[in-house]
All heavy atoms as atom14 arrays in JSON, in Angstrom:
{
  "sequence": "RWEKTLRDTWAPEPYVFFEKDGVYRARMFAPDIGIAE",
  "atom14_mask": [
    [1, 1, 1, 1, 1, 1, 1, 1, 1, 1, 1, 0, 0, 0],
    [1, 1, 1, 1, 1, 1, 1, 1, 1, 1, 1, 1, 1, 1],
    [1, 1, 1, 1, 1, 1, 1, 1, 1, 0, 0, 0, 0, 0],
    [1, 1, 1, 1, 1, 1, 1, 1, 1, 0, 0, 0, 0, 0],
    [1, 1, 1, 1, 1, 1, 1, 0, 0, 0, 0, 0, 0, 0],
    [1, 1, 1, 1, 1, 1, 1, 1, 0, 0, 0, 0, 0, 0],
    [1, 1, 1, 1, 1, 1, 1, 1, 1, 1, 1, 0, 0, 0],
    [1, 1, 1, 1, 1, 1, 1, 1, 0, 0, 0, 0, 0, 0],
    [1, 1, 1, 1, 1, 1, 1, 0, 0, 0, 0, 0, 0, 0],
    [1, 1, 1, 1, 1, 1, 1, 1, 1, 1, 1, 1, 1, 1],
    [1, 1, 1, 1, 1, 0, 0, 0, 0, 0, 0, 0, 0, 0],
    [1, 1, 1, 1, 1, 1, 1, 0, 0, 0, 0, 0, 0, 0],
    [1, 1, 1, 1, 1, 1, 1, 1, 1, 0, 0, 0, 0, 0],
    [1, 1, 1, 1, 1, 1, 1, 0, 0, 0, 0, 0, 0, 0],
    [1, 1, 1, 1, 1, 1, 1, 1, 1, 1, 1, 1, 0, 0],
    [1, 1, 1, 1, 1, 1, 1, 0, 0, 0, 0, 0, 0, 0],
    [1, 1, 1, 1, 1, 1, 1, 1, 1, 1, 1, 0, 0, 0],
    [1, 1, 1, 1, 1, 1, 1, 1, 1, 1, 1, 0, 0, 0],
    [1, 1, 1, 1, 1, 1, 1, 1, 1, 0, 0, 0, 0, 0],
    [1, 1, 1, 1, 1, 1, 1, 1, 1, 0, 0, 0, 0, 0],
    [1, 1, 1, 1, 1, 1, 1, 1, 0, 0, 0, 0, 0, 0],
    [1, 1, 1, 1, 0, 0, 0, 0, 0, 0, 0, 0, 0, 0],
    [1, 1, 1, 1, 1, 1, 1, 0, 0, 0, 0, 0, 0, 0],
    [1, 1, 1, 1, 1, 1, 1, 1, 1, 1, 1, 1, 0, 0],
    [1, 1, 1, 1, 1, 1, 1, 1, 1, 1, 1, 0, 0, 0],
    [1, 1, 1, 1, 1, 0, 0, 0, 0, 0, 0, 0, 0, 0],
    [1, 1, 1, 1, 1, 1, 1, 1, 1, 1, 1, 0, 0, 0],
    [1, 1, 1, 1, 1, 1, 1, 1, 0, 0, 0, 0, 0, 0],
    [1, 1, 1, 1, 1, 1, 1, 1, 1, 1, 1, 0, 0, 0],
    [1, 1, 1, 1, 1, 0, 0, 0, 0, 0, 0, 0, 0, 0],
    [1, 1, 1, 1, 1, 1, 1, 0, 0, 0, 0, 0, 0, 0],
    [1, 1, 1, 1, 1, 1, 1, 1, 0, 0, 0, 0, 0, 0],
    [1, 1, 1, 1, 1, 1, 1, 1, 0, 0, 0, 0, 0, 0],
    [1, 1, 1, 1, 0, 0, 0, 0, 0, 0, 0, 0, 0, 0],
    [1, 1, 1, 1, 1, 1, 1, 1, 0, 0, 0, 0, 0, 0],
    [1, 1, 1, 1, 1, 0, 0, 0, 0, 0, 0, 0, 0, 0],
    [1, 1, 1, 1, 1, 1, 1, 1, 1, 0, 0, 0, 0, 0]
  ],
  "atom14_positions": [
    [[-14.3, -31.74, 25.63], [-12.88, -31.93, 25.89], [-12.51, -33.41, 25.9], [-11.43, -33.79, 25.43], [-12.5, -31.28, 27.23], [-12.43, -29.76, 27.17], [-11.94, -29.2, 28.49], [-11.76, -27.77, 28.45], [-10.65, -27.15, 28.05], [-9.61, -27.86, 27.65], [-10.56, -25.83, 28.06], [0.0, 0.0, 0.0], [0.0, 0.0, 0.0], [0.0, 0.0, 0.0]],
    [[-13.39, -34.26, 26.46], [-13.11, -35.7, 26.49], [-12.94, -36.25, 25.07], [-12.05, -37.06, 24.82], [-14.26, -36.43, 27.21], [-14.13, -37.92, 27.16], [-13.38, -38.71, 27.96], [-14.79, -38.79, 26.24], [-13.52, -40.03, 27.6], [-14.38, -40.1, 26.54], [-15.68, -38.6, 25.18], [-14.83, -41.21, 25.83], [-16.13, -39.69, 24.48], [-15.71, -40.98, 24.8]],
    [[-13.79, -35.81, 24.16], [-13.69, -36.29, 22.78], [-12.35, -35.91, 22.14], [-11.79, -36.68, 21.37], [-14.85, -35.75, 21.95], [-16.18, -36.42, 22.3], [-17.35, -35.81, 21.56], [-17.13, -34.8, 20.83], [-18.47, -36.32, 21.71], [0.0, 0.0, 0.0], [0.0, 0.0, 0.0], [0.0, 0.0, 0.0], [0.0, 0.0, 0.0], [0.0, 0.0, 0.0]],
    [[-11.82, -34.75, 22.51], [-10.55, -34.31, 21.94], [-9.35, -34.92, 22.65], [-8.32, -35.19, 22.04], [-10.45, -32.79, 22.0], [-11.46, -32.06, 21.13], [-11.33, -30.55, 21.29], [-12.34, -29.81, 20.42], [-12.25, -28.33, 20.63], [0.0, 0.0, 0.0], [0.0, 0.0, 0.0], [0.0, 0.0, 0.0], [0.0, 0.0, 0.0], [0.0, 0.0, 0.0]],
    [[-9.5, -35.14, 23.96], [-8.35, -35.53, 24.79], [-8.22, -37.03, 25.0], [-7.11, -37.57, 24.97], [-8.44, -34.84, 26.17], [-8.54, -33.43, 25.97], [-7.21, -35.13, 27.01], [0.0, 0.0, 0.0], [0.0, 0.0, 0.0], [0.0, 0.0, 0.0], [0.0, 0.0, 0.0], [0.0, 0.0, 0.0], [0.0, 0.0, 0.0], [0.0, 0.0, 0.0]],
    [[-9.34, -37.73, 25.21], [-9.26, -39.13, 25.64], [-9.97, -40.13, 24.74], [-9.62, -41.32, 24.75], [-9.85, -39.26, 27.06], [-9.05, -38.63, 28.2], [-9.8, -38.8, 29.52], [-7.66, -39.26, 28.29], [0.0, 0.0, 0.0], [0.0, 0.0, 0.0], [0.0, 0.0, 0.0], [0.0, 0.0, 0.0], [0.0, 0.0, 0.0], [0.0, 0.0, 0.0]],
    [[-10.95, -39.7, 23.99], [-11.81, -40.65, 23.3], [-11.03, -41.68, 22.47], [-11.35, -42.87, 22.51], [-12.8, -39.92, 22.39], [-13.75, -40.87, 21.7], [-14.86, -40.15, 20.98], [-15.86, -41.07, 20.49], [-17.02, -40.7, 19.99], [-17.32, -39.42, 19.9], [-17.88, -41.6, 19.57], [0.0, 0.0, 0.0], [0.0, 0.0, 0.0], [0.0, 0.0, 0.0]],
    [[-10.03, -41.26, 21.75], [-9.32, -42.17, 20.85], [-8.02, -42.7, 21.44], [-7.17, -43.21, 20.72], [-9.02, -41.45, 19.52], [-10.31, -41.07, 18.79], [-11.27, -41.86, 18.84], [-10.35, -39.99, 18.18], [0.0, 0.0, 0.0], [0.0, 0.0, 0.0], [0.0, 0.0, 0.0], [0.0, 0.0, 0.0], [0.0, 0.0, 0.0], [0.0, 0.0, 0.0]],
    [[-7.88, -42.63, 22.77], [-6.67, -43.12, 23.41], [-6.88, -44.55, 23.91], [-7.99, -45.09, 23.89], [-6.25, -42.23, 24.59], [-7.27, -42.31, 25.62], [-6.09, -40.78, 24.15], [0.0, 0.0, 0.0], [0.0, 0.0, 0.0], [0.0, 0.0, 0.0], [0.0, 0.0, 0.0], [0.0, 0.0, 0.0], [0.0, 0.0, 0.0], [0.0, 0.0, 0.0]],
    [[-5.79, -45.16, 24.38], [-5.83, -46.54, 24.87], [-6.75, -46.69, 26.08], [-7.4, -47.72, 26.25], [-4.41, -46.97, 25.23], [-4.27, -48.4, 25.69], [-4.48, -49.53, 24.93], [-3.85, -48.86, 26.98], [-4.23, -50.65, 25.69], [-3.84, -50.27, 26.94], [-3.49, -48.19, 28.16], [-3.48, -51.04, 28.05], [-3.12, -48.96, 29.26], [-3.12, -50.37, 29.2]],
    [[-6.81, -45.66, 26.93], [-7.6, -45.72, 28.16], [-8.52, -44.51, 28.22], [-8.23, -43.52, 28.91], [-6.69, -45.77, 29.38], [0.0, 0.0, 0.0], [0.0, 0.0, 0.0], [0.0, 0.0, 0.0], [0.0, 0.0, 0.0], [0.0, 0.0, 0.0], [0.0, 0.0, 0.0], [0.0, 0.0, 0.0], [0.0, 0.0, 0.0], [0.0, 0.0, 0.0]],
    [[-9.66, -44.55, 27.53], [-10.53, -43.36, 27.47], [-11.4, -43.16, 28.71], [-12.01, -42.11, 28.86], [-11.41, -43.64, 26.25], [-11.44, -45.13, 26.14], [-10.11, -45.61, 26.63], [0.0, 0.0, 0.0], [0.0, 0.0, 0.0], [0.0, 0.0, 0.0], [0.0, 0.0, 0.0], [0.0, 0.0, 0.0], [0.0, 0.0, 0.0], [0.0, 0.0, 0.0]],
    [[-11.46, -44.16, 29.62], [-12.33, -44.07, 30.79], [-11.56, -43.57, 32.0], [-10.69, -44.27, 32.53], [-12.95, -45.43, 31.13], [-14.21, -45.74, 30.37], [-14.0, -45.98, 28.9], [-13.34, -46.95, 28.53], [-14.51, -45.17, 28.1], [0.0, 0.0, 0.0], [0.0, 0.0, 0.0], [0.0, 0.0, 0.0], [0.0, 0.0, 0.0], [0.0, 0.0, 0.0]],
    [[-11.83, -42.37, 32.51], [-11.12, -41.86, 33.69], [-11.67, -42.44, 34.99], [-12.88, -42.49, 35.2], [-11.32, -40.35, 33.63], [-12.32, -40.08, 32.59], [-12.69, -41.35, 31.91], [0.0, 0.0, 0.0], [0.0, 0.0, 0.0], [0.0, 0.0, 0.0], [0.0, 0.0, 0.0], [0.0, 0.0, 0.0], [0.0, 0.0, 0.0], [0.0, 0.0, 0.0]],
    [[-10.75, -42.88, 35.84], [-11.07, -43.39, 37.18], [-10.42, -42.43, 38.15], [-9.21, -42.42, 38.34], [-10.52, -44.8, 37.33], [-11.0, -45.54, 38.56], [-12.18, -46.27, 38.53], [-10.27, -45.53, 39.74], [-12.63, -46.97, 39.65], [-10.71, -46.23, 40.85], [-11.89, -46.95, 40.8], [-12.32, -47.64, 41.91], [0.0, 0.0, 0.0], [0.0, 0.0, 0.0]],
    [[-11.24, -41.57, 38.76], [-10.74, -40.49, 39.6], [-10.81, -40.96, 41.06], [-11.83, -41.5, 41.49], [-11.59, -39.22, 39.41], [-10.95, -38.03, 40.12], [-11.78, -38.92, 37.93], [0.0, 0.0, 0.0], [0.0, 0.0, 0.0], [0.0, 0.0, 0.0], [0.0, 0.0, 0.0], [0.0, 0.0, 0.0], [0.0, 0.0, 0.0], [0.0, 0.0, 0.0]],
    [[-9.73, -40.74, 41.82], [-9.73, -41.28, 43.18], [-9.04, -40.34, 44.17], [-8.18, -39.54, 43.81], [-9.06, -42.66, 43.22], [-7.57, -42.65, 42.97], [-6.67, -42.54, 44.03], [-7.06, -42.72, 41.69], [-5.3, -42.52, 43.81], [-5.7, -42.69, 41.46], [-4.81, -42.59, 42.53], [0.0, 0.0, 0.0], [0.0, 0.0, 0.0], [0.0, 0.0, 0.0]],
    [[-9.43, -40.51, 45.43], [-8.83, -39.82, 46.57], [-8.44, -40.88, 47.58], [-9.2, -41.82, 47.84], [-9.81, -38.83, 47.18], [-9.38, -38.28, 48.52], [-8.39, -37.31, 48.6], [-9.97, -38.75, 49.69], [-8.0, -36.82, 49.84], [-9.58, -38.25, 50.93], [-8.59, -37.28, 51.0], [0.0, 0.0, 0.0], [0.0, 0.0, 0.0], [0.0, 0.0, 0.0]],
    [[-7.26, -40.74, 48.17], [-6.77, -41.73, 49.14], [-6.43, -41.08, 50.47], [-5.88, -39.99, 50.52], [-5.51, -42.42, 48.59], [-4.94, -43.5, 49.49], [-3.9, -42.98, 50.46], [-3.27, -41.95, 50.14], [-3.7, -43.59, 51.53], [0.0, 0.0, 0.0], [0.0, 0.0, 0.0], [0.0, 0.0, 0.0], [0.0, 0.0, 0.0], [0.0, 0.0, 0.0]],
    [[-6.81, -41.76, 51.55], [-6.43, -41.33, 52.88], [-6.25, -42.57, 53.75], [-7.17, -43.39, 53.87], [-7.47, -40.41, 53.51], [-7.06, -39.87, 54.88], [-8.09, -38.9, 55.44], [-7.65, -38.36, 56.8], [-8.65, -37.42, 57.37], [0.0, 0.0, 0.0], [0.0, 0.0, 0.0], [0.0, 0.0, 0.0], [0.0, 0.0, 0.0], [0.0, 0.0, 0.0]],
    [[-5.05, -42.71, 54.32], [-4.73, -43.82, 55.23], [-5.01, -45.18, 54.59], [-5.49, -46.12, 55.24], [-5.53, -43.69, 56.53], [-5.21, -42.39, 57.28], [-4.06, -41.93, 57.19], [-6.12, -41.85, 57.93], [0.0, 0.0, 0.0], [0.0, 0.0, 0.0], [0.0, 0.0, 0.0], [0.0, 0.0, 0.0], [0.0, 0.0, 0.0], [0.0, 0.0, 0.0]],
    [[-4.71, -45.3, 53.3], [-4.84, -46.59, 52.63], [-6.25, -46.95, 52.21], [-6.48, -48.04, 51.67], [0.0, 0.0, 0.0], [0.0, 0.0, 0.0], [0.0, 0.0, 0.0], [0.0, 0.0, 0.0], [0.0, 0.0, 0.0], [0.0, 0.0, 0.0], [0.0, 0.0, 0.0], [0.0, 0.0, 0.0], [0.0, 0.0, 0.0], [0.0, 0.0, 0.0]],
    [[-7.21, -46.06, 52.44], [-8.59, -46.29, 52.01], [-8.88, -45.33, 50.86], [-8.54, -44.15, 50.91], [-9.59, -46.06, 53.15], [-11.02, -46.22, 52.67], [-9.31, -47.03, 54.3], [0.0, 0.0, 0.0], [0.0, 0.0, 0.0], [0.0, 0.0, 0.0], [0.0, 0.0, 0.0], [0.0, 0.0, 0.0], [0.0, 0.0, 0.0], [0.0, 0.0, 0.0]],
    [[-9.53, -45.86, 49.82], [-9.73, -45.09, 48.6], [-11.21, -44.78, 48.39], [-12.08, -45.59, 48.71], [-9.21, -45.87, 47.4], [-7.72, -46.09, 47.42], [-7.17, -47.17, 48.11], [-6.86, -45.21, 46.78], [-5.79, -47.37, 48.15], [-5.48, -45.4, 46.81], [-4.97, -46.47, 47.51], [-3.61, -46.66, 47.55], [0.0, 0.0, 0.0], [0.0, 0.0, 0.0]],
    [[-11.46, -43.6, 47.86], [-12.79, -43.22, 47.38], [-12.64, -42.87, 45.91], [-11.69, -42.15, 45.54], [-13.3, -42.03, 48.17], [-14.67, -41.6, 47.72], [-15.81, -41.91, 48.64], [-16.72, -40.75, 48.52], [-17.0, -39.94, 49.5], [-16.49, -40.14, 50.7], [-17.81, -38.93, 49.3], [0.0, 0.0, 0.0], [0.0, 0.0, 0.0], [0.0, 0.0, 0.0]],
    [[-13.55, -43.37, 45.09], [-13.34, -43.25, 43.65], [-14.64, -42.99, 42.9], [-15.74, -43.25, 43.4], [-12.68, -44.53, 43.12], [0.0, 0.0, 0.0], [0.0, 0.0, 0.0], [0.0, 0.0, 0.0], [0.0, 0.0, 0.0], [0.0, 0.0, 0.0], [0.0, 0.0, 0.0], [0.0, 0.0, 0.0], [0.0, 0.0, 0.0], [0.0, 0.0, 0.0]],
    [[-14.46, -42.48, 41.68], [-15.55, -42.32, 40.72], [-15.03, -42.75, 39.35], [-13.86, -42.5, 39.03], [-16.04, -40.87, 40.68], [-16.55, -40.37, 42.01], [-16.95, -38.9, 41.93], [-18.15, -38.7, 41.11], [-18.62, -37.52, 40.76], [-17.97, -36.42, 41.13], [-19.72, -37.42, 40.04], [0.0, 0.0, 0.0], [0.0, 0.0, 0.0], [0.0, 0.0, 0.0]],
    [[-15.9, -43.38, 38.56], [-15.49, -43.82, 37.23], [-16.5, -43.33, 36.2], [-17.7, -43.54, 36.33], [-15.38, -45.34, 37.17], [-14.55, -45.86, 35.97], [-15.4, -45.82, 34.37], [-16.45, -47.26, 34.52], [0.0, 0.0, 0.0], [0.0, 0.0, 0.0], [0.0, 0.0, 0.0], [0.0, 0.0, 0.0], [0.0, 0.0, 0.0], [0.0, 0.0, 0.0]],
    [[-15.97, -42.67, 35.16], [-16.79, -42.14, 34.08], [-16.44, -42.89, 32.79], [-15.27, -43.06, 32.46], [-16.52, -40.65, 33.89], [-16.7, -39.84, 35.14], [-15.61, -39.51, 35.94], [-17.96, -39.39, 35.53], [-15.77, -38.76, 37.09], [-18.13, -38.64, 36.69], [-17.03, -38.33, 37.47], [0.0, 0.0, 0.0], [0.0, 0.0, 0.0], [0.0, 0.0, 0.0]],
    [[-17.48, -43.35, 32.07], [-17.2, -44.17, 30.88], [-18.11, -43.82, 29.72], [-18.9, -44.66, 29.26], [-17.34, -45.65, 31.24], [0.0, 0.0, 0.0], [0.0, 0.0, 0.0], [0.0, 0.0, 0.0], [0.0, 0.0, 0.0], [0.0, 0.0, 0.0], [0.0, 0.0, 0.0], [0.0, 0.0, 0.0], [0.0, 0.0, 0.0], [0.0, 0.0, 0.0]],
    [[-18.03, -42.6, 29.19], [-18.88, -42.24, 28.05], [-18.6, -43.09, 26.81], [-19.48, -43.28, 25.98], [-18.54, -40.76, 27.8], [-17.21, -40.54, 28.45], [-17.18, -41.47, 29.62], [0.0, 0.0, 0.0], [0.0, 0.0, 0.0], [0.0, 0.0, 0.0], [0.0, 0.0, 0.0], [0.0, 0.0, 0.0], [0.0, 0.0, 0.0], [0.0, 0.0, 0.0]],
    [[-17.38, -43.64, 26.71], [-17.01, -44.42, 25.53], [-17.82, -45.7, 25.43], [-18.03, -46.21, 24.33], [-15.52, -44.76, 25.59], [-15.01, -45.31, 24.27], [-15.28, -44.69, 23.22], [-14.35, -46.38, 24.27], [0.0, 0.0, 0.0], [0.0, 0.0, 0.0], [0.0, 0.0, 0.0], [0.0, 0.0, 0.0], [0.0, 0.0, 0.0], [0.0, 0.0, 0.0]],
    [[-18.29, -46.24, 26.56], [-19.06, -47.48, 26.53], [-20.5, -47.26, 27.0], [-21.19, -48.19, 27.4], [-18.39, -48.61, 27.36], [-18.11, -48.15, 28.79], [-17.12, -49.06, 26.68], [-17.52, -49.25, 29.68], [0.0, 0.0, 0.0], [0.0, 0.0, 0.0], [0.0, 0.0, 0.0], [0.0, 0.0, 0.0], [0.0, 0.0, 0.0], [0.0, 0.0, 0.0]],
    [[-20.94, -46.02, 26.98], [-22.33, -45.72, 27.24], [-22.7, -45.63, 28.71], [-23.88, -45.74, 29.06], [0.0, 0.0, 0.0], [0.0, 0.0, 0.0], [0.0, 0.0, 0.0], [0.0, 0.0, 0.0], [0.0, 0.0, 0.0], [0.0, 0.0, 0.0], [0.0, 0.0, 0.0], [0.0, 0.0, 0.0], [0.0, 0.0, 0.0], [0.0, 0.0, 0.0]],
    [[-21.71, -45.41, 29.6], [-21.99, -45.29, 31.03], [-21.54, -43.91, 31.5], [-20.35, -43.61, 31.5], [-21.24, -46.38, 31.83], [-21.68, -47.78, 31.37], [-21.5, -46.22, 33.32], [-20.85, -48.89, 31.96], [0.0, 0.0, 0.0], [0.0, 0.0, 0.0], [0.0, 0.0, 0.0], [0.0, 0.0, 0.0], [0.0, 0.0, 0.0], [0.0, 0.0, 0.0]],
    [[-22.5, -43.08, 31.89], [-22.14, -41.73, 32.33], [-21.26, -41.79, 33.57], [-20.21, -41.13, 33.64], [-23.4, -40.92, 32.6], [0.0, 0.0, 0.0], [0.0, 0.0, 0.0], [0.0, 0.0, 0.0], [0.0, 0.0, 0.0], [0.0, 0.0, 0.0], [0.0, 0.0, 0.0], [0.0, 0.0, 0.0], [0.0, 0.0, 0.0], [0.0, 0.0, 0.0]],
    [[-21.69, -42.57, 34.58], [-20.89, -42.8, 35.77], [-21.26, -44.16, 36.33], [-22.44, -44.54, 36.31], [-21.09, -41.71, 36.82], [-20.21, -41.92, 38.05], [-20.26, -40.78, 39.06], [-20.9, -39.75, 38.75], [-19.67, -40.92, 40.16], [0.0, 0.0, 0.0], [0.0, 0.0, 0.0], [0.0, 0.0, 0.0], [0.0, 0.0, 0.0], [0.0, 0.0, 0.0]]
  ]
}
């Protein structure tokens, strides 16, 4: 799905985050540049 949806876009690397009381927890996936997470 990533190859169809994001690979050829301006921002192919998803940065997923959760916020509570101004503090963030995040994960970043970057298959486009060879980094799984």
